[in-house]
Amino acid sequence: MPRPTFQFHIDDTRCTRCGLCVADCPMRVISQAAGEVPYVKPEKESQCIHCQHCLAICPSAALSIDGKRPEDSLPIEGLPDLEAMDRLVRSRRSIRRYKPEKVDPALVQRLLAALGNVPTGTNSQQLSFHLIDEPETMDRFRRAAYGALEKADQESRIPERFAVLRTAYQVFAKNGTDILFRGAPHMLVVSAPKNVATPHQDVALALATFDLLAQSAGLGTVWSGFALYAMETAPELKGLLGLEQGRPYYAMPFGYPAIRYARTVQRDGAAEVHRVVLG
């Protein structure tokens, strides 16, 4: 995603001269003289990372940046409390059984639009989203994946660490069981350029956000390491998705769950905590 053209504007009839935008700017590009409206020096415009912190923090809705108007932002209210978020995290499950029907396109678009707000290292905003939004397309990709794996096995290209792929294509050929994508009707693949500050973390954060959003909307998701193995073994599959070679990526099949879990699991002790004490 290209950087937006720098635009910084303050409505001096609304500005209270509080200085919050100046203090909160992570790159310190906003200046302010005593009692005056904040401004950005021309030589500092290129240092802006377009995080929009200044837009978000202005209490009087006086500031716009990159052509974004404060009145078009959502107010920060009605957020889920800790109890609600705790329950969502605990109840989130990897779904491996899906209904065949297509997810409402409007819902998918809403979830993807929200992903523009996920954090990226240095606010690079360089993520790409590759979406299979038609079940028929997913079926074609599924068949292509298993066919590519069979060919790779015939050419002795399946590494021993990915030996499960041999079982996967054999099982699919025998009875149609889909180990790689779990029969999901859709898939989202997120990728990032390898030369940005934190490409792998950016991809993971985007999919983690999509995961929780999708679950809260009644959808199921699964982190598909098997799909990653398949695409690393048969790189032509990345070409089918429009993925550039060399970009870090990960895949998340999704759809309406064919099952419903009744309760959370119990593994609070799984996180080993090491408390650091200095001095």
C-alpha atoms as a PDB file:
ATOM      1  CA  MET A   1       0.000   0.000   0.000  1.00  0.00           C
ATOM      2  CA  PRO A   2       1.581   3.334  -1.018  1.00  0.00           C
ATOM      3  CA  ARG A   3       1.962   6.030   1.604  1.00  0.00           C
ATOM      4  CA  PRO A   4      -0.811   8.648   1.436  1.00  0.00           C
ATOM      5  CA  THR A   5       0.043  12.162   0.312  1.00  0.00           C
ATOM      6  CA  PHE A   6       0.790  14.199   3.423  1.00  0.00           C
ATOM      7  CA  GLN A   7      -2.078  16.482   4.373  1.00  0.00           C
ATOM      8  CA  PHE A   8      -2.235  18.108   7.803  1.00  0.00           C
ATOM      9  CA  HIS A   9      -4.970  20.579   8.623  1.00  0.00           C
ATOM     10  CA  ILE A  10      -6.285  22.095  11.860  1.00  0.00           C
ATOM     11  CA  ASP A  11      -9.517  24.034  12.150  1.00  0.00           C
ATOM     12  CA  ASP A  12      -8.379  26.934  14.325  1.00  0.00           C
ATOM     13  CA  THR A  13     -11.988  27.668  15.320  1.00  0.00           C
ATOM     14  CA  ARG A  14     -12.165  24.270  17.007  1.00  0.00           C
ATOM     15  CA  CYS A  15      -8.586  23.869  18.194  1.00  0.00           C
ATOM     16  CA  THR A  16      -8.211  24.395  21.938  1.00  0.00           C
ATOM     17  CA  ARG A  17      -4.386  24.628  21.738  1.00  0.00           C
ATOM     18  CA  CYS A  18      -4.171  21.751  24.232  1.00  0.00           C
ATOM     19  CA  GLY A  19      -1.020  20.317  22.644  1.00  0.00           C
ATOM     20  CA  LEU A  20      -2.130  16.693  22.898  1.00  0.00           C
ATOM     21  CA  CYS A  21      -1.374  16.040  19.232  1.00  0.00           C
ATOM     22  CA  VAL A  22       2.126  17.442  19.674  1.00  0.00           C
ATOM     23  CA  ALA A  23       2.865  15.312  22.731  1.00  0.00           C
ATOM     24  CA  ASP A  24       1.437  12.099  21.278  1.00  0.00           C
ATOM     25  CA  CYS A  25       3.084  12.182  17.838  1.00  0.00           C
ATOM     26  CA  PRO A  26       5.502   9.195  17.869  1.00  0.00           C
ATOM     27  CA  MET A  27       7.809  10.815  15.299  1.00  0.00           C
ATOM     28  CA  ARG A  28       7.686  14.284  16.899  1.00  0.00           C
ATOM     29  CA  VAL A  29       6.876  16.003  13.608  1.00  0.00           C
ATOM     30  CA  ILE A  30       4.203  18.354  15.017  1.00  0.00           C
ATOM     31  CA  SER A  31       5.326  21.686  16.440  1.00  0.00           C
ATOM     32  CA  GLN A  32       3.468  24.330  18.440  1.00  0.00           C
ATOM     33  CA  ALA A  33       4.348  27.811  19.618  1.00  0.00           C
ATOM     34  CA  ALA A  34       2.894  28.959  22.943  1.00  0.00           C
ATOM     35  CA  GLY A  35      -0.816  29.611  22.591  1.00  0.00           C
ATOM     36  CA  GLU A  36      -0.773  28.915  18.840  1.00  0.00           C
ATOM     37  CA  VAL A  37      -2.284  26.256  16.580  1.00  0.00           C
ATOM     38  CA  PRO A  38       0.006  23.216  16.038  1.00  0.00           C
ATOM     39  CA  TYR A  39       1.664  22.826  12.646  1.00  0.00           C
ATOM     40  CA  VAL A  40       4.130  20.628  10.768  1.00  0.00           C
ATOM     41  CA  LYS A  41       7.269  22.095   9.254  1.00  0.00           C
ATOM     42  CA  PRO A  42       7.651  21.199   5.556  1.00  0.00           C
ATOM     43  CA  GLU A  43      11.007  19.505   6.145  1.00  0.00           C
ATOM     44  CA  LYS A  44       9.389  17.139   8.647  1.00  0.00           C
ATOM     45  CA  GLU A  45       6.462  16.008   6.486  1.00  0.00           C
ATOM     46  CA  SER A  46       8.412  13.043   5.091  1.00  0.00           C
ATOM     47  CA  GLN A  47       9.017  11.737   8.634  1.00  0.00           C
ATOM     48  CA  CYS A  48       5.304  11.217   9.288  1.00  0.00           C
ATOM     49  CA  ILE A  49       4.371   7.523   9.466  1.00  0.00           C
ATOM     50  CA  HIS A  50       0.651   8.251   8.940  1.00  0.00           C
ATOM     51  CA  CYS A  51      -0.426   6.513  12.151  1.00  0.00           C
ATOM     52  CA  GLN A  52      -3.239   9.066  12.637  1.00  0.00           C
ATOM     53  CA  HIS A  53      -2.564   9.305  16.381  1.00  0.00           C
ATOM     54  CA  CYS A  54      -3.055  13.065  16.078  1.00  0.00           C
ATOM     55  CA  LEU A  55      -6.473  12.588  14.471  1.00  0.00           C
ATOM     56  CA  ALA A  56      -7.505  10.106  17.150  1.00  0.00           C
ATOM     57  CA  ILE A  57      -6.376  12.101  20.182  1.00  0.00           C
ATOM     58  CA  CYS A  58      -7.766  15.540  19.313  1.00  0.00           C
ATOM     59  CA  PRO A  59     -10.597  16.111  21.856  1.00  0.00           C
ATOM     60  CA  SER A  60     -12.306  18.834  19.820  1.00  0.00           C
ATOM     61  CA  ALA A  61     -12.238  17.100  16.402  1.00  0.00           C
ATOM     62  CA  ALA A  62     -10.196  19.972  15.007  1.00  0.00           C
ATOM     63  CA  LEU A  63      -7.480  17.989  13.233  1.00  0.00           C
ATOM     64  CA  SER A  64      -7.505  16.093   9.953  1.00  0.00           C
ATOM     65  CA  ILE A  65      -4.623  14.304   8.274  1.00  0.00           C
ATOM     66  CA  ASP A  66      -4.184  12.464   4.961  1.00  0.00           C
ATOM     67  CA  GLY A  67      -7.611  13.731   3.941  1.00  0.00           C
ATOM     68  CA  LYS A  68      -9.282  11.888   6.832  1.00  0.00           C
ATOM     69  CA  ARG A  69     -11.957  13.919   8.607  1.00  0.00           C
ATOM     70  CA  PRO A  70     -12.492  13.390  12.362  1.00  0.00           C
ATOM     71  CA  GLU A  71     -16.279  13.246  11.908  1.00  0.00           C
ATOM     72  CA  ASP A  72     -15.826  10.122   9.768  1.00  0.00           C
ATOM     73  CA  SER A  73     -14.074   8.238  12.588  1.00  0.00           C
ATOM     74  CA  LEU A  74     -15.934   5.996  15.028  1.00  0.00           C
ATOM     75  CA  PRO A  75     -16.219   7.251  18.604  1.00  0.00           C
ATOM     76  CA  ILE A  76     -14.380   5.080  21.116  1.00  0.00           C
ATOM     77  CA  GLU A  77     -17.249   3.854  23.228  1.00  0.00           C
ATOM     78  CA  GLY A  78     -19.189   0.650  23.805  1.00  0.00           C
ATOM     79  CA  LEU A  79     -16.041  -1.475  23.663  1.00  0.00           C
ATOM     80  CA  PRO A  80     -16.130  -5.032  25.075  1.00  0.00           C
ATOM     81  CA  ASP A  81     -14.952  -5.173  28.669  1.00  0.00           C
ATOM     82  CA  LEU A  82     -12.315  -7.525  30.035  1.00  0.00           C
ATOM     83  CA  GLU A  83     -14.859 -10.225  30.892  1.00  0.00           C
ATOM     84  CA  ALA A  84     -16.208 -10.271  27.320  1.00  0.00           C
ATOM     85  CA  MET A  85     -12.751 -10.346  25.744  1.00  0.00           C
ATOM     86  CA  ASP A  86     -11.564 -13.003  28.178  1.00  0.00           C
ATOM     87  CA  ARG A  87     -14.532 -15.202  27.264  1.00  0.00           C
ATOM     88  CA  LEU A  88     -13.914 -14.684  23.534  1.00  0.00           C
ATOM     89  CA  VAL A  89     -10.244 -15.650  23.804  1.00  0.00           C
ATOM     90  CA  ARG A  90     -11.033 -18.699  25.928  1.00  0.00           C
ATOM     91  CA  SER A  91     -13.885 -19.876  23.694  1.00  0.00           C
ATOM     92  CA  ARG A  92     -12.019 -19.403  20.403  1.00  0.00           C
ATOM     93  CA  ARG A  93     -11.358 -22.795  18.756  1.00  0.00           C
ATOM     94  CA  SER A  94      -9.677 -23.935  15.556  1.00  0.00           C
ATOM     95  CA  ILE A  95     -12.507 -25.203  13.356  1.00  0.00           C
ATOM     96  CA  ARG A  96     -11.851 -28.269  11.208  1.00  0.00           C
ATOM     97  CA  ARG A  97     -15.415 -28.999  10.054  1.00  0.00           C
ATOM     98  CA  TYR A  98     -17.314 -26.469   7.912  1.00  0.00           C
ATOM     99  CA  LYS A  99     -20.661 -26.027   6.244  1.00  0.00           C
ATOM    100  CA  PRO A 100     -20.316 -25.837   2.454  1.00  0.00           C
ATOM    101  CA  GLU A 101     -22.250 -22.601   1.973  1.00  0.00           C
ATOM    102  CA  LYS A 102     -20.731 -19.280   1.026  1.00  0.00           C
ATOM    103  CA  VAL A 103     -20.206 -16.647   3.710  1.00  0.00           C
ATOM    104  CA  ASP A 104     -22.157 -13.422   3.193  1.00  0.00           C
ATOM    105  CA  PRO A 105     -19.849 -11.223   1.035  1.00  0.00           C
ATOM    106  CA  ALA A 106     -20.861  -8.107   2.977  1.00  0.00           C
ATOM    107  CA  LEU A 107     -19.651  -9.736   6.187  1.00  0.00           C
ATOM    108  CA  VAL A 108     -16.340 -10.744   4.622  1.00  0.00           C
ATOM    109  CA  GLN A 109     -15.838  -7.226   3.305  1.00  0.00           C
ATOM    110  CA  ARG A 110     -16.545  -5.757   6.732  1.00  0.00           C
ATOM    111  CA  LEU A 111     -13.964  -8.030   8.355  1.00  0.00           C
ATOM    112  CA  LEU A 112     -11.337  -7.242   5.743  1.00  0.00           C
ATOM    113  CA  ALA A 113     -11.961  -3.503   6.005  1.00  0.00           C
ATOM    114  CA  ALA A 114     -11.194  -3.706   9.720  1.00  0.00           C
ATOM    115  CA  LEU A 115      -7.824  -5.331   8.957  1.00  0.00           C
ATOM    116  CA  GLY A 116      -6.557  -2.022   7.621  1.00  0.00           C
ATOM    117  CA  ASN A 117      -6.315  -1.027  11.283  1.00  0.00           C
ATOM    118  CA  VAL A 118      -4.031  -3.816  12.504  1.00  0.00           C
ATOM    119  CA  PRO A 119      -0.602  -2.759  13.800  1.00  0.00           C
ATOM    120  CA  THR A 120       2.438  -3.163  11.537  1.00  0.00           C
ATOM    121  CA  GLY A 121       6.085  -2.477  12.318  1.00  0.00           C
ATOM    122  CA  THR A 122       6.878   1.240  11.810  1.00  0.00           C
ATOM    123  CA  ASN A 123       3.274   1.489  10.583  1.00  0.00           C
ATOM    124  CA  SER A 124       4.451   0.232   7.181  1.00  0.00           C
ATOM    125  CA  GLN A 125       0.931  -0.837   6.128  1.00  0.00           C
ATOM    126  CA  GLN A 126       2.450  -3.076   3.450  1.00  0.00           C
ATOM    127  CA  LEU A 127       0.219  -6.122   3.958  1.00  0.00           C
ATOM    128  CA  SER A 128      -1.489  -7.848   1.035  1.00  0.00           C
ATOM    129  CA  PHE A 129      -4.671  -9.882   1.433  1.00  0.00           C
ATOM    130  CA  HIS A 130      -5.374 -12.720  -0.995  1.00  0.00           C
ATOM    131  CA  LEU A 131      -8.954 -13.888  -0.617  1.00  0.00           C
ATOM    132  CA  ILE A 132     -10.719 -16.928  -2.010  1.00  0.00           C
ATOM    133  CA  ASP A 133     -14.310 -15.765  -1.628  1.00  0.00           C
ATOM    134  CA  GLU A 134     -16.111 -18.300  -3.841  1.00  0.00           C
ATOM    135  CA  PRO A 135     -16.511 -21.930  -2.679  1.00  0.00           C
ATOM    136  CA  GLU A 136     -16.121 -23.099  -6.296  1.00  0.00           C
ATOM    137  CA  THR A 137     -12.760 -21.323  -6.509  1.00  0.00           C
ATOM    138  CA  MET A 138     -11.732 -22.898  -3.213  1.00  0.00           C
ATOM    139  CA  ASP A 139     -12.632 -26.336  -4.568  1.00  0.00           C
ATOM    140  CA  ARG A 140     -10.509 -25.732  -7.667  1.00  0.00           C
ATOM    141  CA  PHE A 141      -7.588 -24.557  -5.550  1.00  0.00           C
ATOM    142  CA  ARG A 142      -8.024 -27.562  -3.247  1.00  0.00           C
ATOM    143  CA  ARG A 143      -7.838 -29.981  -6.163  1.00  0.00           C
ATOM    144  CA  ALA A 144      -4.862 -28.127  -7.616  1.00  0.00           C
ATOM    145  CA  ALA A 145      -3.062 -28.356  -4.278  1.00  0.00           C
ATOM    146  CA  TYR A 146      -3.491 -32.102  -3.933  1.00  0.00           C
ATOM    147  CA  GLY A 147      -2.556 -32.650  -7.569  1.00  0.00           C
ATOM    148  CA  ALA A 148       0.591 -30.560  -7.102  1.00  0.00           C
ATOM    149  CA  LEU A 149       1.533 -32.581  -4.024  1.00  0.00           C
ATOM    150  CA  GLU A 150       1.122 -35.877  -5.840  1.00  0.00           C
ATOM    151  CA  LYS A 151       3.381 -34.589  -8.621  1.00  0.00           C
ATOM    152  CA  ALA A 152       5.893 -33.317  -6.067  1.00  0.00           C
ATOM    153  CA  ASP A 153       5.971 -36.752  -4.429  1.00  0.00           C
ATOM    154  CA  GLN A 154       6.552 -38.440  -7.776  1.00  0.00           C
ATOM    155  CA  GLU A 155       9.487 -36.080  -8.296  1.00  0.00           C
ATOM    156  CA  SER A 156      10.783 -36.692  -4.734  1.00  0.00           C
ATOM    157  CA  ARG A 157      10.238 -33.036  -3.772  1.00  0.00           C
ATOM    158  CA  ILE A 158       8.372 -33.575  -0.504  1.00  0.00           C
ATOM    159  CA  PRO A 159      10.846 -33.004   2.363  1.00  0.00           C
ATOM    160  CA  GLU A 160      10.788 -35.521   5.177  1.00  0.00           C
ATOM    161  CA  ARG A 161       9.754 -32.807   7.632  1.00  0.00           C
ATOM    162  CA  PHE A 162       6.624 -32.338   5.474  1.00  0.00           C
ATOM    163  CA  ALA A 163       5.890 -36.059   5.160  1.00  0.00           C
ATOM    164  CA  VAL A 164       2.300 -35.434   6.290  1.00  0.00           C
ATOM    165  CA  LEU A 165       1.685 -33.960   2.825  1.00  0.00           C
ATOM    166  CA  ARG A 166       2.153 -37.415   1.309  1.00  0.00           C
ATOM    167  CA  THR A 167      -0.548 -38.763   3.588  1.00  0.00           C
ATOM    168  CA  ALA A 168      -2.743 -35.768   2.833  1.00  0.00           C
ATOM    169  CA  TYR A 169      -2.913 -36.204  -0.923  1.00  0.00           C
ATOM    170  CA  GLN A 170      -3.297 -39.970  -0.613  1.00  0.00           C
ATOM    171  CA  VAL A 171      -6.235 -39.630   1.793  1.00  0.00           C
ATOM    172  CA  PHE A 172      -7.857 -37.000  -0.441  1.00  0.00           C
ATOM    173  CA  ALA A 173      -7.554 -39.292  -3.465  1.00  0.00           C
ATOM    174  CA  LYS A 174      -9.004 -42.203  -1.509  1.00  0.00           C
ATOM    175  CA  ASN A 175     -12.058 -40.655   0.157  1.00  0.00           C
ATOM    176  CA  GLY A 176     -12.019 -36.885  -0.422  1.00  0.00           C
ATOM    177  CA  THR A 177     -11.013 -35.988   3.135  1.00  0.00           C
ATOM    178  CA  ASP A 178      -9.343 -32.578   3.055  1.00  0.00           C
ATOM    179  CA  ILE A 179      -6.546 -32.481   5.623  1.00  0.00           C
ATOM    180  CA  LEU A 180      -4.920 -29.306   4.287  1.00  0.00           C
ATOM    181  CA  PHE A 181      -7.880 -26.923   4.235  1.00  0.00           C
ATOM    182  CA  ARG A 182     -10.381 -28.877   6.361  1.00  0.00           C
ATOM    183  CA  GLY A 183     -13.135 -28.516   3.762  1.00  0.00           C
ATOM    184  CA  ALA A 184     -13.434 -24.759   4.338  1.00  0.00           C
ATOM    185  CA  PRO A 185     -15.274 -22.859   1.571  1.00  0.00           C
ATOM    186  CA  HIS A 186     -12.994 -19.806   1.819  1.00  0.00           C
ATOM    187  CA  MET A 187      -9.403 -18.905   2.568  1.00  0.00           C
ATOM    188  CA  LEU A 188      -7.519 -15.738   3.444  1.00  0.00           C
ATOM    189  CA  VAL A 189      -3.777 -15.536   2.828  1.00  0.00           C
ATOM    190  CA  VAL A 190      -1.906 -12.549   4.243  1.00  0.00           C
ATOM    191  CA  SER A 191       1.565 -11.623   3.017  1.00  0.00           C
ATOM    192  CA  ALA A 192       4.113  -8.853   3.580  1.00  0.00           C
ATOM    193  CA  PRO A 193       7.286  -7.714   1.802  1.00  0.00           C
ATOM    194  CA  LYS A 194      10.346  -9.316   3.319  1.00  0.00           C
ATOM    195  CA  ASN A 195      12.150  -5.958   3.467  1.00  0.00           C
ATOM    196  CA  VAL A 196       9.754  -4.254   5.907  1.00  0.00           C
ATOM    197  CA  ALA A 197      10.675  -4.000   9.583  1.00  0.00           C
ATOM    198  CA  THR A 198       8.658  -6.956  10.915  1.00  0.00           C
ATOM    199  CA  PRO A 199       7.093  -8.965   8.046  1.00  0.00           C
ATOM    200  CA  HIS A 200       6.346 -12.215   9.885  1.00  0.00           C
ATOM    201  CA  GLN A 201       4.911 -10.417  12.909  1.00  0.00           C
ATOM    202  CA  ASP A 202       2.778  -8.185  10.678  1.00  0.00           C
ATOM    203  CA  VAL A 203       1.254 -11.227   8.954  1.00  0.00           C
ATOM    204  CA  ALA A 204       0.591 -12.993  12.260  1.00  0.00           C
ATOM    205  CA  LEU A 205      -1.031  -9.930  13.841  1.00  0.00           C
ATOM    206  CA  ALA A 206      -3.326  -9.448  10.847  1.00  0.00           C
ATOM    207  CA  LEU A 207      -4.488 -13.062  10.901  1.00  0.00           C
ATOM    208  CA  ALA A 208      -4.861 -13.083  14.695  1.00  0.00           C
ATOM    209  CA  THR A 209      -7.108 -10.044  14.372  1.00  0.00           C
ATOM    210  CA  PHE A 210      -9.103 -11.627  11.554  1.00  0.00           C
ATOM    211  CA  ASP A 211      -9.378 -14.805  13.643  1.00  0.00           C
ATOM    212  CA  LEU A 212     -11.024 -13.032  16.588  1.00  0.00           C
ATOM    213  CA  LEU A 213     -13.222 -10.845  14.379  1.00  0.00           C
ATOM    214  CA  ALA A 214     -14.434 -13.871  12.438  1.00  0.00           C
ATOM    215  CA  GLN A 215     -15.154 -15.876  15.575  1.00  0.00           C
ATOM    216  CA  SER A 216     -17.123 -12.984  17.064  1.00  0.00           C
ATOM    217  CA  ALA A 217     -19.175 -12.887  13.827  1.00  0.00           C
ATOM    218  CA  GLY A 218     -20.103 -16.565  14.081  1.00  0.00           C
ATOM    219  CA  LEU A 219     -17.494 -17.836  11.630  1.00  0.00           C
ATOM    220  CA  GLY A 220     -14.867 -20.505  12.121  1.00  0.00           C
ATOM    221  CA  THR A 221     -11.182 -20.284  11.245  1.00  0.00           C
ATOM    222  CA  VAL A 222      -8.125 -22.500  11.312  1.00  0.00           C
ATOM    223  CA  TRP A 223      -4.435 -21.597  11.219  1.00  0.00           C
ATOM    224  CA  SER A 224      -3.272 -23.872   8.395  1.00  0.00           C
ATOM    225  CA  GLY A 225       0.358 -24.835   8.776  1.00  0.00           C
ATOM    226  CA  PHE A 226      -0.374 -27.696   6.381  1.00  0.00           C
ATOM    227  CA  ALA A 227      -1.354 -25.187   3.685  1.00  0.00           C
ATOM    228  CA  LEU A 228       1.956 -23.410   4.278  1.00  0.00           C
ATOM    229  CA  TYR A 229       3.829 -26.715   3.943  1.00  0.00           C
ATOM    230  CA  ALA A 230       2.002 -27.440   0.687  1.00  0.00           C
ATOM    231  CA  MET A 231       2.787 -24.056  -0.844  1.00  0.00           C
ATOM    232  CA  GLU A 232       6.438 -24.277   0.162  1.00  0.00           C
ATOM    233  CA  THR A 233       6.653 -27.736  -1.396  1.00  0.00           C
ATOM    234  CA  ALA A 234       4.745 -26.748  -4.548  1.00  0.00           C
ATOM    235  CA  PRO A 235       5.462 -23.022  -5.128  1.00  0.00           C
ATOM    236  CA  GLU A 236       3.210 -23.015  -8.194  1.00  0.00           C
ATOM    237  CA  LEU A 237       0.303 -22.877  -5.727  1.00  0.00           C
ATOM    238  CA  LYS A 238       1.466 -19.447  -4.618  1.00  0.00           C
ATOM    239  CA  GLY A 239       1.263 -18.354  -8.220  1.00  0.00           C
ATOM    240  CA  LEU A 240      -2.376 -19.433  -8.364  1.00  0.00           C
ATOM    241  CA  LEU A 241      -3.072 -17.129  -5.406  1.00  0.00           C
ATOM    242  CA  GLY A 242      -1.145 -14.220  -6.879  1.00  0.00           C
ATOM    243  CA  LEU A 243       1.474 -14.425  -4.124  1.00  0.00           C
ATOM    244  CA  GLU A 244       4.905 -13.071  -5.008  1.00  0.00           C
ATOM    245  CA  GLN A 245       7.739 -15.489  -4.348  1.00  0.00           C
ATOM    246  CA  GLY A 246       9.848 -14.623  -1.311  1.00  0.00           C
ATOM    247  CA  ARG A 247       7.129 -12.787   0.634  1.00  0.00           C
ATOM    248  CA  PRO A 248       6.418 -14.070   4.158  1.00  0.00           C
ATOM    249  CA  TYR A 249       2.818 -15.297   4.302  1.00  0.00           C
ATOM    250  CA  TYR A 250       0.338 -17.513   6.119  1.00  0.00           C
ATOM    251  CA  ALA A 251      -3.038 -19.018   5.265  1.00  0.00           C
ATOM    252  CA  MET A 252      -6.319 -19.118   7.190  1.00  0.00           C
ATOM    253  CA  PRO A 253      -9.238 -21.168   5.799  1.00  0.00           C
ATOM    254  CA  PHE A 254     -12.609 -20.011   7.125  1.00  0.00           C
ATOM    255  CA  GLY A 255     -16.356 -20.413   6.827  1.00  0.00           C
ATOM    256  CA  TYR A 256     -19.482 -21.231   8.788  1.00  0.00           C
ATOM    257  CA  PRO A 257     -18.709 -23.966  11.363  1.00  0.00           C
ATOM    258  CA  ALA A 258     -20.488 -27.297  11.028  1.00  0.00           C
ATOM    259  CA  ILE A 259     -20.113 -27.801  14.772  1.00  0.00           C
ATOM    260  CA  ARG A 260     -20.650 -25.828  17.955  1.00  0.00           C
ATOM    261  CA  TYR A 261     -18.579 -26.182  21.112  1.00  0.00           C
ATOM    262  CA  ALA A 262     -20.458 -26.100  24.397  1.00  0.00           C
ATOM    263  CA  ARG A 263     -17.739 -24.801  26.705  1.00  0.00           C
ATOM    264  CA  THR A 264     -14.181 -23.556  26.958  1.00  0.00           C
ATOM    265  CA  VAL A 265     -11.193 -25.816  27.549  1.00  0.00           C
ATOM    266  CA  GLN A 266      -9.048 -25.634  30.687  1.00  0.00           C
ATOM    267  CA  ARG A 267      -5.420 -24.786  30.112  1.00  0.00           C
ATOM    268  CA  ASP A 268      -4.663 -21.654  32.094  1.00  0.00           C
ATOM    269  CA  GLY A 269      -1.456 -23.261  33.361  1.00  0.00           C
ATOM    270  CA  ALA A 270      -0.094 -23.706  29.823  1.00  0.00           C
ATOM    271  CA  ALA A 271       1.586 -20.308  29.837  1.00  0.00           C
ATOM    272  CA  GLU A 272       4.872 -20.479  31.718  1.00  0.00           C
ATOM    273  CA  VAL A 273       5.473 -17.101  33.298  1.00  0.00           C
ATOM    274  CA  HIS A 274       8.966 -15.911  34.213  1.00  0.00           C
ATOM    275  CA  ARG A 275       8.821 -12.787  36.337  1.00  0.00           C
ATOM    276  CA  VAL A 276      11.759 -10.463  35.916  1.00  0.00           C
ATOM    277  CA  VAL A 277      13.105  -8.646  38.968  1.00  0.00           C
ATOM    278  CA  LEU A 278      15.923  -6.137  38.637  1.00  0.00           C
ATOM    279  CA  GLY A 279      17.825  -4.368  41.383  1.00  0.00           C
END
